[in-house]
Amino acid sequence: MDAVTSLVVGIIRSAHGLAGKFKVESTSGEVEHFFDLTEVTLRKDGTERKTEVESVESGNPFLIMKCAGIDTPEQAAKFAGAEIVVSRDKACPLYEGEYYVEDLKNCALIYEPGSGSNAKNGLNDGVKPEPIVAGIVTDVLEGGAGDLLEVSVSESLQFSSDSEAGSPAKKKRTVLVPFKKEFIGDVDINRKTMQLMHLWILE
């Protein structure tokens, strides 16, 4: 599966001034790429509006953006909470080891029982166990010590804590996994997979 072709680069927070401008928060924290935008899509509540960008100004801490056809505070206020979507070539450039949030969403967490510390145990008499789809990444959240992957744990997985009295044998759970090399190995955006280093992190 190819990486997504459009990305959310900003969120409209509120109207600004009397000319239909609005305050924009960059989702990446970077702002330089906004000044090169000529066209964006505004997405809110399942509807989209493609519009030309008339101006972008520096603000603190927000950017101030003016789009064609939005000329009054009342019109701008209707877009509060809207996502600003652009083609991925117009988004903030990535550095090594960085990924777009939209690319990480819906990636499968793959755990290989025969890898790492388990490899020396001679599992299955030398036959490498099949990889396990441990969960699906549903979102990426900001945490105090770094980004956190919101993971919907596969219902086929069952930990000791799941079998406590009153708990169903299988239940849908969501956990947060630190997006750090100690827990996440290789990331393959095209195949939509991420290597999970330790299964216990999902307990």
C-alpha atoms as a PDB file:
ATOM      1  CA  MET A   1       0.000   0.000   0.000  1.00  0.00           C
ATOM      2  CA  ASP A   2       1.422   3.373  -0.955  1.00  0.00           C
ATOM      3  CA  ALA A   3       1.840   6.198   1.507  1.00  0.00           C
ATOM      4  CA  VAL A   4      -1.008   8.684   1.638  1.00  0.00           C
ATOM      5  CA  THR A   5      -0.920  11.399  -1.021  1.00  0.00           C
ATOM      6  CA  SER A   6      -2.393  14.217   1.093  1.00  0.00           C
ATOM      7  CA  LEU A   7      -1.520  15.278   4.627  1.00  0.00           C
ATOM      8  CA  VAL A   8      -2.923  17.448   7.395  1.00  0.00           C
ATOM      9  CA  VAL A   9      -0.445  20.281   8.003  1.00  0.00           C
ATOM     10  CA  GLY A  10      -2.483  22.568  10.227  1.00  0.00           C
ATOM     11  CA  ILE A  11      -5.615  23.115  12.302  1.00  0.00           C
ATOM     12  CA  ILE A  12      -7.708  26.296  12.146  1.00  0.00           C
ATOM     13  CA  ARG A  13      -8.216  27.490  15.706  1.00  0.00           C
ATOM     14  CA  SER A  14     -10.332  30.646  15.371  1.00  0.00           C
ATOM     15  CA  ALA A  15     -11.185  33.688  13.272  1.00  0.00           C
ATOM     16  CA  HIS A  16      -8.737  36.608  13.347  1.00  0.00           C
ATOM     17  CA  GLY A  17      -9.532  40.233  12.580  1.00  0.00           C
ATOM     18  CA  LEU A  18     -12.223  41.606  10.295  1.00  0.00           C
ATOM     19  CA  ALA A  19     -11.065  40.411   6.864  1.00  0.00           C
ATOM     20  CA  GLY A  20     -11.896  36.703   7.114  1.00  0.00           C
ATOM     21  CA  LYS A  21      -8.464  35.587   8.278  1.00  0.00           C
ATOM     22  CA  PHE A  22      -7.961  32.800  10.792  1.00  0.00           C
ATOM     23  CA  LYS A  23      -5.413  31.558  13.262  1.00  0.00           C
ATOM     24  CA  VAL A  24      -3.679  28.334  12.218  1.00  0.00           C
ATOM     25  CA  GLU A  25      -1.688  25.895  14.352  1.00  0.00           C
ATOM     26  CA  SER A  26       0.928  23.838  12.507  1.00  0.00           C
ATOM     27  CA  THR A  27       0.573  20.121  13.275  1.00  0.00           C
ATOM     28  CA  SER A  28       4.333  19.596  12.919  1.00  0.00           C
ATOM     29  CA  GLY A  29       5.451  22.685  14.809  1.00  0.00           C
ATOM     30  CA  GLU A  30       7.276  23.860  11.676  1.00  0.00           C
ATOM     31  CA  VAL A  31       5.891  26.837   9.745  1.00  0.00           C
ATOM     32  CA  GLU A  32       8.218  27.693   6.858  1.00  0.00           C
ATOM     33  CA  HIS A  33       6.367  25.462   4.368  1.00  0.00           C
ATOM     34  CA  PHE A  34       3.143  27.422   4.930  1.00  0.00           C
ATOM     35  CA  PHE A  35       4.588  30.480   3.187  1.00  0.00           C
ATOM     36  CA  ASP A  36       4.919  28.510  -0.074  1.00  0.00           C
ATOM     37  CA  LEU A  37       1.312  27.304  -0.126  1.00  0.00           C
ATOM     38  CA  THR A  38      -0.878  28.572  -2.959  1.00  0.00           C
ATOM     39  CA  GLU A  39      -3.827  26.194  -2.555  1.00  0.00           C
ATOM     40  CA  VAL A  40      -5.181  24.140   0.341  1.00  0.00           C
ATOM     41  CA  THR A  41      -8.174  21.983   1.179  1.00  0.00           C
ATOM     42  CA  LEU A  42     -10.165  22.850   4.294  1.00  0.00           C
ATOM     43  CA  ARG A  43     -11.731  19.725   5.831  1.00  0.00           C
ATOM     44  CA  LYS A  44     -14.317  19.740   8.595  1.00  0.00           C
ATOM     45  CA  ASP A  45     -17.118  17.382   9.627  1.00  0.00           C
ATOM     46  CA  GLY A  46     -16.673  15.207   6.550  1.00  0.00           C
ATOM     47  CA  THR A  47     -16.865  18.064   4.047  1.00  0.00           C
ATOM     48  CA  GLU A  48     -13.993  19.548   2.044  1.00  0.00           C
ATOM     49  CA  ARG A  49     -13.447  22.915   0.395  1.00  0.00           C
ATOM     50  CA  LYS A  50     -10.525  23.573  -1.929  1.00  0.00           C
ATOM     51  CA  THR A  51      -9.433  27.206  -1.889  1.00  0.00           C
ATOM     52  CA  GLU A  52      -6.573  29.495  -2.900  1.00  0.00           C
ATOM     53  CA  VAL A  53      -4.279  30.900  -0.226  1.00  0.00           C
ATOM     54  CA  GLU A  54      -4.147  34.695  -0.417  1.00  0.00           C
ATOM     55  CA  SER A  55      -1.702  35.338   2.405  1.00  0.00           C
ATOM     56  CA  VAL A  56       0.154  33.780   5.328  1.00  0.00           C
ATOM     57  CA  GLU A  57       1.581  35.885   8.151  1.00  0.00           C
ATOM     58  CA  SER A  58       3.689  35.037  11.160  1.00  0.00           C
ATOM     59  CA  GLY A  59       1.874  35.169  14.469  1.00  0.00           C
ATOM     60  CA  ASN A  60       2.649  34.155  18.029  1.00  0.00           C
ATOM     61  CA  PRO A  61       2.080  31.302  18.591  1.00  0.00           C
ATOM     62  CA  PHE A  62      -0.210  30.886  15.566  1.00  0.00           C
ATOM     63  CA  LEU A  63       0.082  31.631  11.860  1.00  0.00           C
ATOM     64  CA  ILE A  64      -2.463  34.022  10.331  1.00  0.00           C
ATOM     65  CA  MET A  65      -3.908  32.765   7.029  1.00  0.00           C
ATOM     66  CA  LYS A  66      -6.294  34.321   4.515  1.00  0.00           C
ATOM     67  CA  CYS A  67      -8.071  32.138   1.943  1.00  0.00           C
ATOM     68  CA  ALA A  68     -10.034  33.249  -1.110  1.00  0.00           C
ATOM     69  CA  GLY A  69     -13.795  33.496  -0.672  1.00  0.00           C
ATOM     70  CA  ILE A  70     -13.628  33.784   3.125  1.00  0.00           C
ATOM     71  CA  ASP A  71     -13.948  37.497   3.735  1.00  0.00           C
ATOM     72  CA  THR A  72     -15.711  38.092   7.052  1.00  0.00           C
ATOM     73  CA  PRO A  73     -15.132  37.055  10.667  1.00  0.00           C
ATOM     74  CA  GLU A  74     -18.400  35.131  10.571  1.00  0.00           C
ATOM     75  CA  GLN A  75     -17.313  33.103   7.542  1.00  0.00           C
ATOM     76  CA  ALA A  76     -13.893  32.419   9.076  1.00  0.00           C
ATOM     77  CA  ALA A  77     -15.434  31.327  12.387  1.00  0.00           C
ATOM     78  CA  LYS A  78     -17.314  28.527  10.615  1.00  0.00           C
ATOM     79  CA  PHE A  79     -13.957  26.878   9.853  1.00  0.00           C
ATOM     80  CA  ALA A  80     -12.763  26.735  13.470  1.00  0.00           C
ATOM     81  CA  GLY A  81     -11.470  23.204  14.060  1.00  0.00           C
ATOM     82  CA  ALA A  82     -11.029  22.495  10.335  1.00  0.00           C
ATOM     83  CA  GLU A  83      -7.976  20.613   9.099  1.00  0.00           C
ATOM     84  CA  ILE A  84      -5.727  22.186   6.466  1.00  0.00           C
ATOM     85  CA  VAL A  85      -4.847  19.477   3.947  1.00  0.00           C
ATOM     86  CA  VAL A  86      -2.178  19.663   1.242  1.00  0.00           C
ATOM     87  CA  SER A  87      -0.443  17.258  -1.126  1.00  0.00           C
ATOM     88  CA  ARG A  88       2.505  15.552   0.583  1.00  0.00           C
ATOM     89  CA  ASP A  89       5.046  17.413  -1.585  1.00  0.00           C
ATOM     90  CA  LYS A  90       3.812  20.673   0.001  1.00  0.00           C
ATOM     91  CA  ALA A  91       4.053  19.407   3.567  1.00  0.00           C
ATOM     92  CA  CYS A  92       6.934  19.994   5.969  1.00  0.00           C
ATOM     93  CA  PRO A  93      10.107  18.218   4.726  1.00  0.00           C
ATOM     94  CA  LEU A  94      11.079  15.147   6.727  1.00  0.00           C
ATOM     95  CA  TYR A  95      14.436  14.517   8.347  1.00  0.00           C
ATOM     96  CA  GLU A  96      15.924  11.062   8.802  1.00  0.00           C
ATOM     97  CA  GLY A  97      13.848   9.012  11.219  1.00  0.00           C
ATOM     98  CA  GLU A  98      10.800  11.293  10.944  1.00  0.00           C
ATOM     99  CA  TYR A  99       7.393  10.268   9.606  1.00  0.00           C
ATOM    100  CA  TYR A 100       4.107  11.940   8.831  1.00  0.00           C
ATOM    101  CA  VAL A 101       1.376  11.047  11.322  1.00  0.00           C
ATOM    102  CA  GLU A 102      -1.022  10.132   8.508  1.00  0.00           C
ATOM    103  CA  ASP A 103       1.529   7.607   7.207  1.00  0.00           C
ATOM    104  CA  LEU A 104       1.827   5.943  10.614  1.00  0.00           C
ATOM    105  CA  LYS A 105      -1.920   5.576  11.069  1.00  0.00           C
ATOM    106  CA  ASN A 106      -3.244   2.095  10.188  1.00  0.00           C
ATOM    107  CA  CYS A 107       0.230   0.566  10.287  1.00  0.00           C
ATOM    108  CA  ALA A 108       0.237  -2.981  11.668  1.00  0.00           C
ATOM    109  CA  LEU A 109       2.501  -3.709  14.633  1.00  0.00           C
ATOM    110  CA  ILE A 110       4.363  -6.916  13.808  1.00  0.00           C
ATOM    111  CA  TYR A 111       5.996  -8.989  16.553  1.00  0.00           C
ATOM    112  CA  GLU A 112       8.380 -11.808  15.644  1.00  0.00           C
ATOM    113  CA  PRO A 113       8.542 -14.364  18.498  1.00  0.00           C
ATOM    114  CA  GLY A 114      11.782 -15.887  17.215  1.00  0.00           C
ATOM    115  CA  SER A 115      13.731 -12.645  17.086  1.00  0.00           C
ATOM    116  CA  GLY A 116      15.822 -10.811  19.665  1.00  0.00           C
ATOM    117  CA  SER A 117      16.164 -12.478  23.078  1.00  0.00           C
ATOM    118  CA  ASN A 118      13.827 -15.313  22.058  1.00  0.00           C
ATOM    119  CA  ALA A 119      16.133 -16.448  19.254  1.00  0.00           C
ATOM    120  CA  LYS A 120      18.551 -18.173  21.662  1.00  0.00           C
ATOM    121  CA  ASN A 121      15.794 -20.279  23.196  1.00  0.00           C
ATOM    122  CA  GLY A 122      15.542 -22.565  20.180  1.00  0.00           C
ATOM    123  CA  LEU A 123      11.815 -22.114  19.831  1.00  0.00           C
ATOM    124  CA  ASN A 124       9.967 -24.747  17.779  1.00  0.00           C
ATOM    125  CA  ASP A 125      13.167 -26.814  17.307  1.00  0.00           C
ATOM    126  CA  GLY A 126      14.758 -24.277  15.000  1.00  0.00           C
ATOM    127  CA  VAL A 127      11.566 -23.479  13.081  1.00  0.00           C
ATOM    128  CA  LYS A 128      10.960 -19.743  13.207  1.00  0.00           C
ATOM    129  CA  PRO A 129       7.453 -18.958  14.503  1.00  0.00           C
ATOM    130  CA  GLU A 130       5.110 -16.947  12.315  1.00  0.00           C
ATOM    131  CA  PRO A 131       5.079 -13.176  12.941  1.00  0.00           C
ATOM    132  CA  ILE A 132       2.161 -11.929  15.007  1.00  0.00           C
ATOM    133  CA  VAL A 133       0.017  -8.928  14.064  1.00  0.00           C
ATOM    134  CA  ALA A 134      -0.126  -7.487  17.573  1.00  0.00           C
ATOM    135  CA  GLY A 135      -2.187  -4.410  16.845  1.00  0.00           C
ATOM    136  CA  ILE A 136      -2.982  -1.483  14.561  1.00  0.00           C
ATOM    137  CA  VAL A 137      -1.804   2.104  15.034  1.00  0.00           C
ATOM    138  CA  THR A 138      -4.877   4.345  15.203  1.00  0.00           C
ATOM    139  CA  ASP A 139      -3.250   7.680  16.049  1.00  0.00           C
ATOM    140  CA  VAL A 140      -0.069   9.414  17.182  1.00  0.00           C
ATOM    141  CA  LEU A 141      -0.246  11.573  20.312  1.00  0.00           C
ATOM    142  CA  GLU A 142       2.189  14.029  21.829  1.00  0.00           C
ATOM    143  CA  GLY A 143       3.577  12.974  25.185  1.00  0.00           C
ATOM    144  CA  GLY A 144       5.816  14.681  27.689  1.00  0.00           C
ATOM    145  CA  ALA A 145       8.786  12.456  26.818  1.00  0.00           C
ATOM    146  CA  GLY A 146       8.025  12.046  23.107  1.00  0.00           C
ATOM    147  CA  ASP A 147       5.371  10.804  20.706  1.00  0.00           C
ATOM    148  CA  LEU A 148       3.055   7.965  21.704  1.00  0.00           C
ATOM    149  CA  LEU A 149       1.476   5.473  19.312  1.00  0.00           C
ATOM    150  CA  GLU A 150      -2.173   4.790  20.062  1.00  0.00           C
ATOM    151  CA  VAL A 151      -2.554   1.081  19.333  1.00  0.00           C
ATOM    152  CA  SER A 152      -5.701  -0.994  19.016  1.00  0.00           C
ATOM    153  CA  VAL A 153      -4.517  -4.352  20.357  1.00  0.00           C
ATOM    154  CA  SER A 154      -5.468  -7.421  18.317  1.00  0.00           C
ATOM    155  CA  GLU A 155      -8.350  -9.296  19.927  1.00  0.00           C
ATOM    156  CA  SER A 156      -6.485 -12.564  19.357  1.00  0.00           C
ATOM    157  CA  LEU A 157      -3.879 -11.537  21.964  1.00  0.00           C
ATOM    158  CA  GLN A 158      -4.618 -12.444  25.558  1.00  0.00           C
ATOM    159  CA  PHE A 159      -2.503 -11.487  28.552  1.00  0.00           C
ATOM    160  CA  SER A 160      -2.791 -12.689  32.121  1.00  0.00           C
ATOM    161  CA  SER A 161      -4.412  -9.412  33.113  1.00  0.00           C
ATOM    162  CA  ASP A 162      -7.211 -10.071  30.608  1.00  0.00           C
ATOM    163  CA  SER A 163      -8.345 -13.231  32.368  1.00  0.00           C
ATOM    164  CA  GLU A 164      -9.025 -11.673  35.741  1.00  0.00           C
ATOM    165  CA  ALA A 165     -12.388 -12.314  37.335  1.00  0.00           C
ATOM    166  CA  GLY A 166     -15.109 -10.370  35.612  1.00  0.00           C
ATOM    167  CA  SER A 167     -13.013  -9.706  32.520  1.00  0.00           C
ATOM    168  CA  PRO A 168     -14.068 -11.159  29.156  1.00  0.00           C
ATOM    169  CA  ALA A 169     -11.706 -13.692  27.610  1.00  0.00           C
ATOM    170  CA  LYS A 170     -11.199 -11.367  24.659  1.00  0.00           C
ATOM    171  CA  LYS A 171     -11.829  -7.653  24.622  1.00  0.00           C
ATOM    172  CA  LYS A 172     -10.838  -4.773  22.418  1.00  0.00           C
ATOM    173  CA  ARG A 173      -8.214  -2.669  24.132  1.00  0.00           C
ATOM    174  CA  THR A 174      -6.275   0.463  23.237  1.00  0.00           C
ATOM    175  CA  VAL A 175      -2.804   1.108  24.665  1.00  0.00           C
ATOM    176  CA  LEU A 176      -0.150   3.784  24.223  1.00  0.00           C
ATOM    177  CA  VAL A 177       3.311   2.706  23.067  1.00  0.00           C
ATOM    178  CA  PRO A 178       6.274   5.120  23.177  1.00  0.00           C
ATOM    179  CA  PHE A 179       7.541   5.736  19.642  1.00  0.00           C
ATOM    180  CA  LYS A 180      11.137   4.959  20.603  1.00  0.00           C
ATOM    181  CA  LYS A 181      13.686   2.531  19.218  1.00  0.00           C
ATOM    182  CA  GLU A 182      13.517   0.459  22.413  1.00  0.00           C
ATOM    183  CA  PHE A 183       9.956  -0.490  21.523  1.00  0.00           C
ATOM    184  CA  ILE A 184       9.599   0.130  17.771  1.00  0.00           C
ATOM    185  CA  GLY A 185      12.082  -1.264  15.255  1.00  0.00           C
ATOM    186  CA  ASP A 186      11.892  -1.062  11.465  1.00  0.00           C
ATOM    187  CA  VAL A 187       9.118   1.080   9.994  1.00  0.00           C
ATOM    188  CA  ASP A 188       7.969   0.290   6.438  1.00  0.00           C
ATOM    189  CA  ILE A 189       5.513   2.954   5.317  1.00  0.00           C
ATOM    190  CA  ASN A 190       4.878   1.375   1.907  1.00  0.00           C
ATOM    191  CA  ARG A 191       3.962  -1.976   3.475  1.00  0.00           C
ATOM    192  CA  LYS A 192       2.205  -0.232   6.401  1.00  0.00           C
ATOM    193  CA  THR A 193       4.110  -2.258   9.002  1.00  0.00           C
ATOM    194  CA  MET A 194       6.078  -1.432  12.142  1.00  0.00           C
ATOM    195  CA  GLN A 195       8.263  -3.854  14.067  1.00  0.00           C
ATOM    196  CA  LEU A 196       7.236  -4.296  17.708  1.00  0.00           C
ATOM    197  CA  MET A 197      10.279  -5.132  19.844  1.00  0.00           C
ATOM    198  CA  HIS A 198       8.486  -6.331  23.007  1.00  0.00           C
ATOM    199  CA  LEU A 199       5.058  -7.885  23.287  1.00  0.00           C
ATOM    200  CA  TRP A 200       4.733  -7.060  26.993  1.00  0.00           C
ATOM    201  CA  ILE A 201       4.363  -3.336  26.187  1.00  0.00           C
ATOM    202  CA  LEU A 202       0.802  -4.084  25.043  1.00  0.00           C
ATOM    203  CA  GLU A 203      -0.263  -5.580  28.391  1.00  0.00           C
END
